[in-house]
Amino acid sequence: AGMNGTAIENFVCVIFNVSFMNCTWHVAKTASRDTQYFLYWKTSRKEDFTGCQNYIKDSYGRHTGCRFQNVTIKNKRGSFLVNVSRSGQNIQSYEEKIHLISVHIIVEKLTPPLNVTVNCTEASHCCEIQWQPPLTSHVKRHACFKYEIVIENK
């Protein structure tokens, strides 16, 4: 509903350090300088939408993103809602019901593996490398991870 050409474009969220999430979008090309965007999200049908408390703004002061803290993904579904207003009037909204772990909307930047240890023995010319999987907001199966080891001979 609302005035065509004011909805956001290229909506993407990135989770990092397990519980922080940045969502960003592009302002519509036809949006005037007094167009404003308000982001809300929830992770289940039962809960209420939570509004952004920490907006990212462009040079005109328009909201172009949000920084969320203490994000937890309880299940794999969620909803994002962006209300668009101009001079205090709601003119258009954008709603996306998503599978939270879908690559096209939410990306997670993982922490490096934890507790990396290297034990080398001179006699066998071998090294044993061990680590714990990175912290993540949603992956519970360690078999989901693939690792690449780069060994530099010094």
N, C-alpha and C. Protein backbone atom coordinates (compact mmCIF):
# COMPACT_ATOMS: atom_id res chain seq x y z
N ALA A 1 0.84 -1.19 0.00
CA ALA A 1 0.00 0.00 0.00
C ALA A 1 0.87 1.24 0.00
N GLY A 2 0.32 2.35 -0.45
CA GLY A 2 1.05 3.60 -0.40
C GLY A 2 1.54 4.06 -1.75
N MET A 3 2.31 5.11 -1.74
CA MET A 3 2.80 5.75 -2.96
C MET A 3 3.90 4.89 -3.59
N ASN A 4 3.74 4.56 -4.86
CA ASN A 4 4.75 3.76 -5.55
C ASN A 4 6.08 4.49 -5.61
N GLY A 5 7.16 3.71 -5.62
CA GLY A 5 8.48 4.29 -5.78
C GLY A 5 9.13 4.77 -4.51
N THR A 6 8.53 4.55 -3.36
CA THR A 6 9.14 4.99 -2.10
C THR A 6 9.64 3.82 -1.26
N ALA A 7 9.33 2.58 -1.66
CA ALA A 7 9.76 1.42 -0.89
C ALA A 7 11.27 1.25 -0.96
N ILE A 8 11.83 0.59 0.03
CA ILE A 8 13.27 0.36 0.06
C ILE A 8 13.67 -0.66 -0.99
N GLU A 9 14.98 -0.70 -1.26
CA GLU A 9 15.54 -1.66 -2.21
C GLU A 9 16.77 -2.28 -1.56
N ASN A 10 17.13 -3.48 -2.02
CA ASN A 10 18.36 -4.17 -1.58
C ASN A 10 18.46 -4.31 -0.06
N PHE A 11 17.43 -4.85 0.56
CA PHE A 11 17.41 -5.05 2.01
C PHE A 11 18.26 -6.27 2.37
N VAL A 12 19.25 -6.08 3.26
CA VAL A 12 20.16 -7.15 3.68
C VAL A 12 20.49 -6.98 5.15
N CYS A 13 20.59 -8.10 5.87
CA CYS A 13 21.03 -8.08 7.26
C CYS A 13 22.26 -8.96 7.42
N VAL A 14 23.20 -8.51 8.26
CA VAL A 14 24.41 -9.26 8.54
C VAL A 14 24.51 -9.46 10.05
N ILE A 15 24.64 -10.71 10.47
CA ILE A 15 24.87 -11.03 11.89
C ILE A 15 26.37 -11.18 12.08
N PHE A 16 26.91 -10.59 13.15
CA PHE A 16 28.33 -10.74 13.44
C PHE A 16 28.51 -10.80 14.95
N ASN A 17 29.64 -11.40 15.36
CA ASN A 17 29.93 -11.60 16.78
C ASN A 17 28.73 -12.22 17.50
N VAL A 18 28.07 -13.13 16.87
CA VAL A 18 26.99 -13.96 17.39
C VAL A 18 25.69 -13.21 17.67
N SER A 19 25.74 -12.03 18.27
CA SER A 19 24.49 -11.43 18.72
C SER A 19 24.25 -10.00 18.23
N PHE A 20 25.04 -9.54 17.27
CA PHE A 20 24.84 -8.21 16.69
C PHE A 20 24.34 -8.37 15.27
N MET A 21 23.43 -7.51 14.86
CA MET A 21 22.89 -7.59 13.50
C MET A 21 22.76 -6.18 12.93
N ASN A 22 23.32 -5.99 11.74
CA ASN A 22 23.15 -4.74 10.99
C ASN A 22 22.27 -5.03 9.79
N CYS A 23 21.20 -4.27 9.64
CA CYS A 23 20.35 -4.36 8.46
C CYS A 23 20.50 -3.06 7.69
N THR A 24 20.65 -3.16 6.39
CA THR A 24 20.80 -1.96 5.56
C THR A 24 19.90 -2.07 4.34
N TRP A 25 19.60 -0.93 3.75
CA TRP A 25 18.80 -0.88 2.54
C TRP A 25 19.15 0.39 1.78
N HIS A 26 18.72 0.42 0.52
CA HIS A 26 18.89 1.62 -0.29
C HIS A 26 17.57 2.36 -0.32
N VAL A 27 17.66 3.66 -0.22
CA VAL A 27 16.49 4.54 -0.32
C VAL A 27 16.01 4.49 -1.77
N ALA A 28 14.71 4.49 -1.95
CA ALA A 28 14.14 4.48 -3.30
C ALA A 28 14.65 5.68 -4.10
N LYS A 29 14.89 5.47 -5.38
CA LYS A 29 15.43 6.53 -6.23
C LYS A 29 14.51 7.75 -6.31
N THR A 30 13.21 7.51 -6.21
CA THR A 30 12.26 8.62 -6.32
C THR A 30 11.87 9.22 -4.97
N ALA A 31 12.49 8.75 -3.89
CA ALA A 31 12.13 9.25 -2.56
C ALA A 31 12.68 10.66 -2.35
N SER A 32 11.85 11.52 -1.82
CA SER A 32 12.29 12.89 -1.55
C SER A 32 13.12 12.93 -0.27
N ARG A 33 13.74 14.08 -0.01
CA ARG A 33 14.61 14.22 1.16
C ARG A 33 13.85 14.08 2.47
N ASP A 34 12.54 14.36 2.48
CA ASP A 34 11.78 14.26 3.73
C ASP A 34 11.12 12.89 3.90
N THR A 35 11.49 11.92 3.04
CA THR A 35 11.00 10.55 3.20
C THR A 35 11.81 9.89 4.32
N GLN A 36 11.13 9.18 5.21
CA GLN A 36 11.80 8.53 6.33
C GLN A 36 11.37 7.07 6.41
N TYR A 37 12.29 6.23 6.86
CA TYR A 37 12.08 4.79 6.92
C TYR A 37 12.23 4.32 8.37
N PHE A 38 11.32 3.42 8.79
CA PHE A 38 11.33 2.90 10.16
C PHE A 38 11.29 1.38 10.11
N LEU A 39 12.30 0.73 10.70
CA LEU A 39 12.44 -0.73 10.64
C LEU A 39 11.94 -1.39 11.91
N TYR A 40 11.20 -2.49 11.74
CA TYR A 40 10.71 -3.33 12.83
C TYR A 40 10.99 -4.78 12.45
N TRP A 41 11.23 -5.63 13.46
CA TRP A 41 11.41 -7.05 13.17
C TRP A 41 10.94 -7.91 14.31
N LYS A 42 10.65 -9.18 14.02
CA LYS A 42 10.30 -10.17 15.04
C LYS A 42 10.69 -11.53 14.52
N THR A 43 10.87 -12.49 15.46
CA THR A 43 11.31 -13.82 15.07
C THR A 43 10.24 -14.88 15.23
N SER A 44 9.04 -14.50 15.63
CA SER A 44 7.95 -15.47 15.69
C SER A 44 6.62 -14.74 15.58
N ARG A 45 5.59 -15.49 15.22
CA ARG A 45 4.26 -14.89 15.09
C ARG A 45 3.72 -14.39 16.43
N LYS A 46 4.15 -15.04 17.50
CA LYS A 46 3.61 -14.75 18.83
C LYS A 46 4.13 -13.44 19.43
N GLU A 47 5.33 -13.03 19.02
CA GLU A 47 5.88 -11.82 19.64
C GLU A 47 5.53 -10.58 18.83
N ASP A 48 5.67 -9.43 19.48
CA ASP A 48 5.40 -8.15 18.83
C ASP A 48 6.64 -7.72 18.06
N PHE A 49 6.43 -6.86 17.07
CA PHE A 49 7.54 -6.28 16.35
C PHE A 49 8.39 -5.42 17.29
N THR A 50 9.71 -5.47 17.12
CA THR A 50 10.64 -4.63 17.86
C THR A 50 11.17 -3.57 16.90
N GLY A 51 11.08 -2.32 17.31
CA GLY A 51 11.56 -1.23 16.47
C GLY A 51 13.04 -0.99 16.64
N CYS A 52 13.65 -0.45 15.61
CA CYS A 52 15.07 -0.11 15.66
C CYS A 52 15.30 1.00 16.67
N GLN A 53 16.38 0.86 17.44
CA GLN A 53 16.76 1.89 18.41
C GLN A 53 18.02 2.63 17.99
N ASN A 54 18.72 2.12 16.96
CA ASN A 54 20.01 2.70 16.58
C ASN A 54 20.13 2.73 15.05
N TYR A 55 19.59 3.77 14.44
CA TYR A 55 19.56 3.87 12.98
C TYR A 55 20.89 4.33 12.39
N ILE A 56 21.15 3.85 11.18
CA ILE A 56 22.23 4.33 10.33
C ILE A 56 21.56 5.34 9.39
N LYS A 57 22.17 6.52 9.20
CA LYS A 57 21.52 7.58 8.43
C LYS A 57 22.38 8.02 7.25
N ASP A 58 21.71 8.50 6.20
CA ASP A 58 22.43 9.07 5.07
C ASP A 58 22.66 10.57 5.29
N SER A 59 23.20 11.25 4.30
CA SER A 59 23.54 12.67 4.46
C SER A 59 22.31 13.57 4.62
N TYR A 60 21.11 13.07 4.27
CA TYR A 60 19.88 13.84 4.46
C TYR A 60 19.19 13.49 5.78
N GLY A 61 19.79 12.58 6.57
CA GLY A 61 19.19 12.17 7.83
C GLY A 61 18.16 11.06 7.68
N ARG A 62 18.03 10.50 6.48
CA ARG A 62 17.09 9.41 6.27
C ARG A 62 17.69 8.12 6.80
N HIS A 63 16.87 7.29 7.41
CA HIS A 63 17.32 6.01 7.91
C HIS A 63 17.62 5.09 6.74
N THR A 64 18.83 4.54 6.71
CA THR A 64 19.24 3.61 5.65
C THR A 64 19.71 2.28 6.23
N GLY A 65 19.53 2.11 7.52
CA GLY A 65 19.93 0.87 8.17
C GLY A 65 19.70 0.94 9.65
N CYS A 66 19.97 -0.20 10.30
CA CYS A 66 19.78 -0.29 11.75
C CYS A 66 20.81 -1.23 12.34
N ARG A 67 21.26 -0.89 13.54
CA ARG A 67 22.17 -1.75 14.30
C ARG A 67 21.40 -2.34 15.48
N PHE A 68 21.26 -3.66 15.49
CA PHE A 68 20.59 -4.36 16.60
C PHE A 68 21.64 -5.02 17.48
N GLN A 69 21.40 -5.01 18.80
CA GLN A 69 22.26 -5.70 19.75
C GLN A 69 21.46 -6.82 20.41
N ASN A 70 22.17 -7.78 20.97
CA ASN A 70 21.57 -8.90 21.71
C ASN A 70 20.52 -9.63 20.87
N VAL A 71 20.85 -9.91 19.63
CA VAL A 71 19.95 -10.63 18.73
C VAL A 71 20.05 -12.13 19.02
N THR A 72 18.92 -12.76 19.18
CA THR A 72 18.88 -14.22 19.29
C THR A 72 17.90 -14.74 18.27
N ILE A 73 18.29 -15.80 17.61
CA ILE A 73 17.42 -16.43 16.63
C ILE A 73 16.86 -17.68 17.28
N LYS A 74 15.60 -17.62 17.68
CA LYS A 74 14.96 -18.72 18.41
C LYS A 74 14.52 -19.83 17.46
N ASN A 75 14.03 -19.45 16.32
CA ASN A 75 13.63 -20.43 15.31
C ASN A 75 14.11 -19.91 13.97
N LYS A 76 13.67 -20.53 12.90
CA LYS A 76 14.23 -20.17 11.60
C LYS A 76 13.33 -19.26 10.79
N ARG A 77 12.31 -18.69 11.39
CA ARG A 77 11.41 -17.80 10.66
C ARG A 77 11.38 -16.43 11.32
N GLY A 78 11.09 -15.43 10.53
CA GLY A 78 11.01 -14.09 11.07
C GLY A 78 10.36 -13.15 10.09
N SER A 79 10.11 -11.95 10.56
CA SER A 79 9.51 -10.92 9.71
C SER A 79 10.22 -9.60 9.92
N PHE A 80 10.42 -8.88 8.83
CA PHE A 80 10.93 -7.52 8.87
C PHE A 80 9.87 -6.62 8.27
N LEU A 81 9.69 -5.45 8.84
CA LEU A 81 8.71 -4.49 8.36
C LEU A 81 9.38 -3.12 8.31
N VAL A 82 9.29 -2.46 7.17
CA VAL A 82 9.80 -1.09 7.04
C VAL A 82 8.63 -0.20 6.66
N ASN A 83 8.31 0.74 7.55
CA ASN A 83 7.28 1.73 7.24
C ASN A 83 7.96 2.96 6.65
N VAL A 84 7.33 3.52 5.65
CA VAL A 84 7.87 4.70 4.98
C VAL A 84 6.91 5.85 5.22
N SER A 85 7.46 7.02 5.60
CA SER A 85 6.60 8.18 5.80
C SER A 85 7.23 9.40 5.15
N ARG A 86 6.38 10.36 4.83
CA ARG A 86 6.83 11.64 4.30
C ARG A 86 6.02 12.71 4.99
N SER A 87 6.70 13.65 5.59
CA SER A 87 6.04 14.73 6.34
C SER A 87 5.05 14.17 7.36
N GLY A 88 5.44 13.05 8.02
CA GLY A 88 4.61 12.47 9.07
C GLY A 88 3.51 11.56 8.58
N GLN A 89 3.30 11.40 7.28
CA GLN A 89 2.24 10.53 6.76
C GLN A 89 2.85 9.21 6.30
N ASN A 90 2.22 8.09 6.68
CA ASN A 90 2.67 6.80 6.16
C ASN A 90 2.32 6.73 4.68
N ILE A 91 3.31 6.42 3.85
CA ILE A 91 3.03 6.38 2.42
C ILE A 91 3.27 5.02 1.79
N GLN A 92 4.12 4.20 2.39
CA GLN A 92 4.34 2.87 1.84
C GLN A 92 5.06 2.03 2.87
N SER A 93 4.85 0.72 2.81
CA SER A 93 5.58 -0.16 3.70
C SER A 93 6.16 -1.32 2.90
N TYR A 94 7.17 -1.93 3.47
CA TYR A 94 7.85 -3.08 2.88
C TYR A 94 7.83 -4.14 3.96
N GLU A 95 7.31 -5.33 3.67
CA GLU A 95 7.34 -6.41 4.65
C GLU A 95 7.93 -7.63 4.00
N GLU A 96 8.81 -8.29 4.72
CA GLU A 96 9.48 -9.48 4.24
C GLU A 96 9.38 -10.54 5.31
N LYS A 97 8.64 -11.62 5.01
CA LYS A 97 8.60 -12.78 5.89
C LYS A 97 9.63 -13.75 5.34
N ILE A 98 10.57 -14.12 6.18
CA ILE A 98 11.70 -14.86 5.65
C ILE A 98 12.05 -16.09 6.46
N HIS A 99 12.79 -16.96 5.83
CA HIS A 99 13.50 -18.03 6.50
C HIS A 99 14.80 -17.37 6.95
N LEU A 100 14.99 -17.18 8.25
CA LEU A 100 16.06 -16.33 8.76
C LEU A 100 17.46 -16.73 8.30
N ILE A 101 17.64 -17.99 8.00
CA ILE A 101 18.97 -18.44 7.63
C ILE A 101 19.13 -18.44 6.11
N SER A 102 18.19 -17.88 5.40
CA SER A 102 18.32 -17.82 3.94
C SER A 102 19.42 -16.85 3.57
N VAL A 103 20.21 -17.22 2.61
CA VAL A 103 21.39 -16.44 2.26
C VAL A 103 21.04 -15.08 1.68
N HIS A 104 19.91 -14.94 1.01
CA HIS A 104 19.63 -13.69 0.30
C HIS A 104 19.25 -12.54 1.22
N ILE A 105 18.83 -12.77 2.44
CA ILE A 105 18.44 -11.69 3.34
C ILE A 105 19.42 -11.56 4.50
N ILE A 106 19.75 -12.69 5.15
CA ILE A 106 20.62 -12.62 6.32
C ILE A 106 21.89 -13.41 6.07
N VAL A 107 23.01 -12.77 6.34
CA VAL A 107 24.32 -13.39 6.22
C VAL A 107 24.95 -13.35 7.60
N GLU A 108 25.68 -14.39 7.96
CA GLU A 108 26.38 -14.35 9.25
C GLU A 108 27.88 -14.37 9.00
N LYS A 109 28.57 -13.39 9.57
CA LYS A 109 30.03 -13.37 9.53
C LYS A 109 30.51 -14.09 10.79
N LEU A 110 31.14 -15.21 10.59
CA LEU A 110 31.54 -16.05 11.72
C LEU A 110 32.81 -15.53 12.39
N THR A 111 32.93 -15.84 13.66
CA THR A 111 34.16 -15.57 14.38
C THR A 111 35.19 -16.62 13.93
N PRO A 112 36.47 -16.37 14.14
CA PRO A 112 37.47 -17.40 13.83
C PRO A 112 37.28 -18.60 14.76
N PRO A 113 37.81 -19.77 14.37
CA PRO A 113 37.77 -20.92 15.28
C PRO A 113 38.42 -20.56 16.61
N LEU A 114 37.97 -21.23 17.67
CA LEU A 114 38.43 -20.92 19.02
C LEU A 114 39.47 -21.93 19.49
N ASN A 115 40.27 -21.49 20.44
CA ASN A 115 41.24 -22.36 21.12
C ASN A 115 42.08 -23.19 20.15
N VAL A 116 42.71 -22.52 19.21
CA VAL A 116 43.56 -23.21 18.24
C VAL A 116 44.86 -23.59 18.93
N THR A 117 45.22 -24.87 18.81
CA THR A 117 46.49 -25.35 19.37
C THR A 117 47.25 -26.10 18.29
N VAL A 118 48.57 -25.96 18.32
CA VAL A 118 49.44 -26.65 17.37
C VAL A 118 50.51 -27.37 18.16
N ASN A 119 50.62 -28.67 17.95
CA ASN A 119 51.65 -29.47 18.59
C ASN A 119 52.47 -30.15 17.50
N CYS A 120 53.74 -29.79 17.42
CA CYS A 120 54.61 -30.37 16.40
C CYS A 120 55.68 -31.22 17.08
N THR A 121 56.01 -32.32 16.44
CA THR A 121 57.09 -33.17 16.95
C THR A 121 58.19 -33.21 15.90
N GLU A 122 59.40 -32.95 16.37
CA GLU A 122 60.53 -32.92 15.45
C GLU A 122 60.85 -34.30 14.92
N ALA A 123 60.70 -35.31 15.75
CA ALA A 123 61.07 -36.67 15.35
C ALA A 123 60.21 -37.17 14.18
N SER A 124 58.91 -36.90 14.21
CA SER A 124 58.04 -37.42 13.15
C SER A 124 57.78 -36.39 12.05
N HIS A 125 58.27 -35.18 12.24
CA HIS A 125 58.07 -34.09 11.28
C HIS A 125 56.58 -33.86 11.01
N CYS A 126 55.79 -34.02 12.05
CA CYS A 126 54.34 -33.84 11.92
C CYS A 126 53.84 -32.80 12.93
N CYS A 127 52.73 -32.22 12.59
CA CYS A 127 52.07 -31.29 13.50
C CYS A 127 50.61 -31.69 13.62
N GLU A 128 50.11 -31.56 14.82
CA GLU A 128 48.68 -31.79 15.06
C GLU A 128 48.06 -30.43 15.40
N ILE A 129 47.01 -30.09 14.65
CA ILE A 129 46.33 -28.82 14.85
C ILE A 129 44.91 -29.11 15.31
N GLN A 130 44.51 -28.49 16.40
CA GLN A 130 43.15 -28.69 16.92
C GLN A 130 42.50 -27.33 17.17
N TRP A 131 41.17 -27.29 17.09
CA TRP A 131 40.42 -26.07 17.35
C TRP A 131 38.98 -26.42 17.68
N GLN A 132 38.29 -25.43 18.20
CA GLN A 132 36.85 -25.56 18.44
C GLN A 132 36.12 -24.74 17.37
N PRO A 133 34.91 -25.16 17.00
CA PRO A 133 34.17 -24.42 15.96
C PRO A 133 33.91 -22.98 16.39
N PRO A 134 33.71 -22.10 15.42
CA PRO A 134 33.42 -20.71 15.75
C PRO A 134 32.06 -20.56 16.43
N LEU A 135 31.90 -19.47 17.14
CA LEU A 135 30.60 -19.17 17.73
C LEU A 135 29.66 -18.75 16.61
N THR A 136 28.40 -19.13 16.73
CA THR A 136 27.42 -18.80 15.71
C THR A 136 26.07 -18.57 16.35
N SER A 137 25.22 -17.83 15.68
CA SER A 137 23.91 -17.54 16.23
C SER A 137 22.91 -18.67 16.03
N HIS A 138 23.20 -19.58 15.09
CA HIS A 138 22.16 -20.56 14.77
C HIS A 138 22.64 -21.95 14.40
N VAL A 139 23.90 -22.16 13.99
CA VAL A 139 24.35 -23.48 13.55
C VAL A 139 24.68 -24.33 14.77
N LYS A 140 24.02 -25.46 14.88
CA LYS A 140 24.25 -26.35 16.02
C LYS A 140 25.11 -27.56 15.64
N ARG A 141 25.14 -27.91 14.37
CA ARG A 141 25.88 -29.09 13.93
C ARG A 141 27.28 -28.68 13.47
N HIS A 142 28.29 -29.21 14.12
CA HIS A 142 29.66 -28.86 13.78
C HIS A 142 30.05 -29.39 12.39
N ALA A 143 29.35 -30.42 11.91
CA ALA A 143 29.65 -30.97 10.58
C ALA A 143 29.31 -29.97 9.47
N CYS A 144 28.58 -28.92 9.78
CA CYS A 144 28.24 -27.90 8.78
C CYS A 144 29.44 -27.05 8.39
N PHE A 145 30.48 -27.06 9.18
CA PHE A 145 31.63 -26.21 8.92
C PHE A 145 32.68 -26.92 8.09
N LYS A 146 33.31 -26.18 7.19
CA LYS A 146 34.47 -26.65 6.44
C LYS A 146 35.59 -25.69 6.74
N TYR A 147 36.79 -26.21 6.91
CA TYR A 147 37.92 -25.38 7.29
C TYR A 147 39.00 -25.46 6.24
N GLU A 148 39.74 -24.38 6.13
CA GLU A 148 40.92 -24.34 5.26
C GLU A 148 42.10 -23.92 6.10
N ILE A 149 43.16 -24.69 6.01
CA ILE A 149 44.37 -24.41 6.80
C ILE A 149 45.47 -24.00 5.84
N VAL A 150 46.08 -22.88 6.12
CA VAL A 150 47.21 -22.41 5.33
C VAL A 150 48.45 -22.55 6.20
N ILE A 151 49.38 -23.33 5.74
CA ILE A 151 50.62 -23.56 6.50
C ILE A 151 51.75 -22.84 5.78
N GLU A 152 52.41 -21.98 6.55
CA GLU A 152 53.56 -21.26 5.99
C GLU A 152 54.81 -21.82 6.62
N ASN A 153 55.76 -22.19 5.80
CA ASN A 153 57.00 -22.75 6.29
C ASN A 153 57.97 -21.60 6.56
N LYS A 154 58.35 -21.44 7.83
CA LYS A 154 59.25 -20.34 8.18
C LYS A 154 60.59 -20.88 8.63
